[in-house]
Amino acid sequence: MQHAEEVKLIRKAQGGSEYFDEIYEKHFDRIFNYVFRRVADFHLARDITSENHHSNGTKIPGGAGT
């Protein structure tokens, strides 16, 4: 995804969390890999990554959840 496309998607996500899912899916592997390197436990990394998605999906700066 190019930068301009991602900026548009982030702006859409500020108006509704359904767009956050698309952003999250695009970056899941990178987020998971970072967490996994920190905790060195596959299942815990999945839990943390998933919890991050659920807790942050409505907290996009400038969005309705902030």
C-alpha atoms as a PDB file:
ATOM      1  CA  MET A   1       0.000   0.000   0.000  1.00  0.00           C
ATOM      2  CA  GLN A   2       1.408   3.342  -0.985  1.00  0.00           C
ATOM      3  CA  HIS A   3       1.689   6.141   1.536  1.00  0.00           C
ATOM      4  CA  ALA A   4      -1.073   8.272  -0.024  1.00  0.00           C
ATOM      5  CA  GLU A   5      -3.476   5.315  -0.026  1.00  0.00           C
ATOM      6  CA  GLU A   6      -2.688   4.548   3.586  1.00  0.00           C
ATOM      7  CA  VAL A   7      -3.271   8.169   4.608  1.00  0.00           C
ATOM      8  CA  LYS A   8      -6.699   8.045   2.939  1.00  0.00           C
ATOM      9  CA  LEU A   9      -7.526   4.812   4.753  1.00  0.00           C
ATOM     10  CA  ILE A  10      -6.460   6.294   8.098  1.00  0.00           C
ATOM     11  CA  ARG A  11      -8.683   9.314   7.487  1.00  0.00           C
ATOM     12  CA  LYS A  12     -11.602   6.987   6.744  1.00  0.00           C
ATOM     13  CA  ALA A  13     -10.824   5.016   9.907  1.00  0.00           C
ATOM     14  CA  GLN A  14     -11.088   8.216  11.925  1.00  0.00           C
ATOM     15  CA  GLY A  15     -14.755   8.278  10.961  1.00  0.00           C
ATOM     16  CA  GLY A  16     -15.472   4.614  11.670  1.00  0.00           C
ATOM     17  CA  SER A  17     -13.614   1.650  13.102  1.00  0.00           C
ATOM     18  CA  GLU A  18     -14.573  -0.692  10.223  1.00  0.00           C
ATOM     19  CA  TYR A  19     -11.675   0.775   8.233  1.00  0.00           C
ATOM     20  CA  PHE A  20      -9.294   0.078  11.102  1.00  0.00           C
ATOM     21  CA  ASP A  21      -9.702  -3.643  10.377  1.00  0.00           C
ATOM     22  CA  GLU A  22      -8.211  -3.144   6.928  1.00  0.00           C
ATOM     23  CA  ILE A  23      -5.252  -1.240   8.342  1.00  0.00           C
ATOM     24  CA  TYR A  24      -4.782  -3.878  11.016  1.00  0.00           C
ATOM     25  CA  GLU A  25      -4.848  -6.762   8.529  1.00  0.00           C
ATOM     26  CA  LYS A  26      -2.268  -5.016   6.349  1.00  0.00           C
ATOM     27  CA  HIS A  27       0.132  -4.661   9.278  1.00  0.00           C
ATOM     28  CA  PHE A  28      -0.716  -7.743  11.355  1.00  0.00           C
ATOM     29  CA  ASP A  29       2.433  -9.684  10.441  1.00  0.00           C
ATOM     30  CA  ARG A  30       4.727  -6.801  11.303  1.00  0.00           C
ATOM     31  CA  ILE A  31       2.942  -6.154  14.603  1.00  0.00           C
ATOM     32  CA  PHE A  32       2.906  -9.846  15.513  1.00  0.00           C
ATOM     33  CA  ASN A  33       6.597 -10.319  14.646  1.00  0.00           C
ATOM     34  CA  TYR A  34       7.569  -7.343  16.784  1.00  0.00           C
ATOM     35  CA  VAL A  35       5.564  -8.622  19.757  1.00  0.00           C
ATOM     36  CA  PHE A  36       6.847 -12.182  19.282  1.00  0.00           C
ATOM     37  CA  ARG A  37      10.462 -10.983  19.368  1.00  0.00           C
ATOM     38  CA  ARG A  38       9.700  -9.215  22.651  1.00  0.00           C
ATOM     39  CA  VAL A  39       7.852 -12.019  24.466  1.00  0.00           C
ATOM     40  CA  ALA A  40       9.325 -15.124  22.739  1.00  0.00           C
ATOM     41  CA  ASP A  41       6.026 -17.002  23.112  1.00  0.00           C
ATOM     42  CA  PHE A  42       3.858 -17.630  20.042  1.00  0.00           C
ATOM     43  CA  HIS A  43       0.509 -17.872  21.840  1.00  0.00           C
ATOM     44  CA  LEU A  44       1.171 -14.899  24.090  1.00  0.00           C
ATOM     45  CA  ALA A  45       2.252 -12.840  21.080  1.00  0.00           C
ATOM     46  CA  ARG A  46      -1.019 -13.729  19.280  1.00  0.00           C
ATOM     47  CA  ASP A  47      -3.020 -12.735  22.370  1.00  0.00           C
ATOM     48  CA  ILE A  48      -1.192  -9.434  22.767  1.00  0.00           C
ATOM     49  CA  THR A  49      -1.481  -8.618  19.067  1.00  0.00           C
ATOM     50  CA  SER A  50      -5.185  -9.412  19.093  1.00  0.00           C
ATOM     51  CA  GLU A  51      -5.778  -7.380  22.258  1.00  0.00           C
ATOM     52  CA  ASN A  52      -3.914  -4.469  20.686  1.00  0.00           C
ATOM     53  CA  HIS A  53      -6.317  -4.601  17.743  1.00  0.00           C
ATOM     54  CA  HIS A  54      -9.425  -4.702  19.921  1.00  0.00           C
ATOM     55  CA  SER A  55      -8.318  -1.980  22.322  1.00  0.00           C
ATOM     56  CA  ASN A  56      -6.950   0.413  19.692  1.00  0.00           C
ATOM     57  CA  GLY A  57      -9.517  -0.011  16.952  1.00  0.00           C
ATOM     58  CA  THR A  58     -11.721   2.704  18.398  1.00  0.00           C
ATOM     59  CA  LYS A  59      -8.909   5.010  19.521  1.00  0.00           C
ATOM     60  CA  ILE A  60      -7.642   6.359  16.241  1.00  0.00           C
ATOM     61  CA  PRO A  61      -6.421   9.936  16.797  1.00  0.00           C
ATOM     62  CA  GLY A  62      -9.028  12.357  15.530  1.00  0.00           C
ATOM     63  CA  GLY A  63     -11.605   9.604  15.314  1.00  0.00           C
ATOM     64  CA  ALA A  64     -14.974   9.126  16.915  1.00  0.00           C
ATOM     65  CA  GLY A  65     -13.519   6.932  19.686  1.00  0.00           C
ATOM     66  CA  THR A  66     -11.119   9.569  21.004  1.00  0.00           C
END
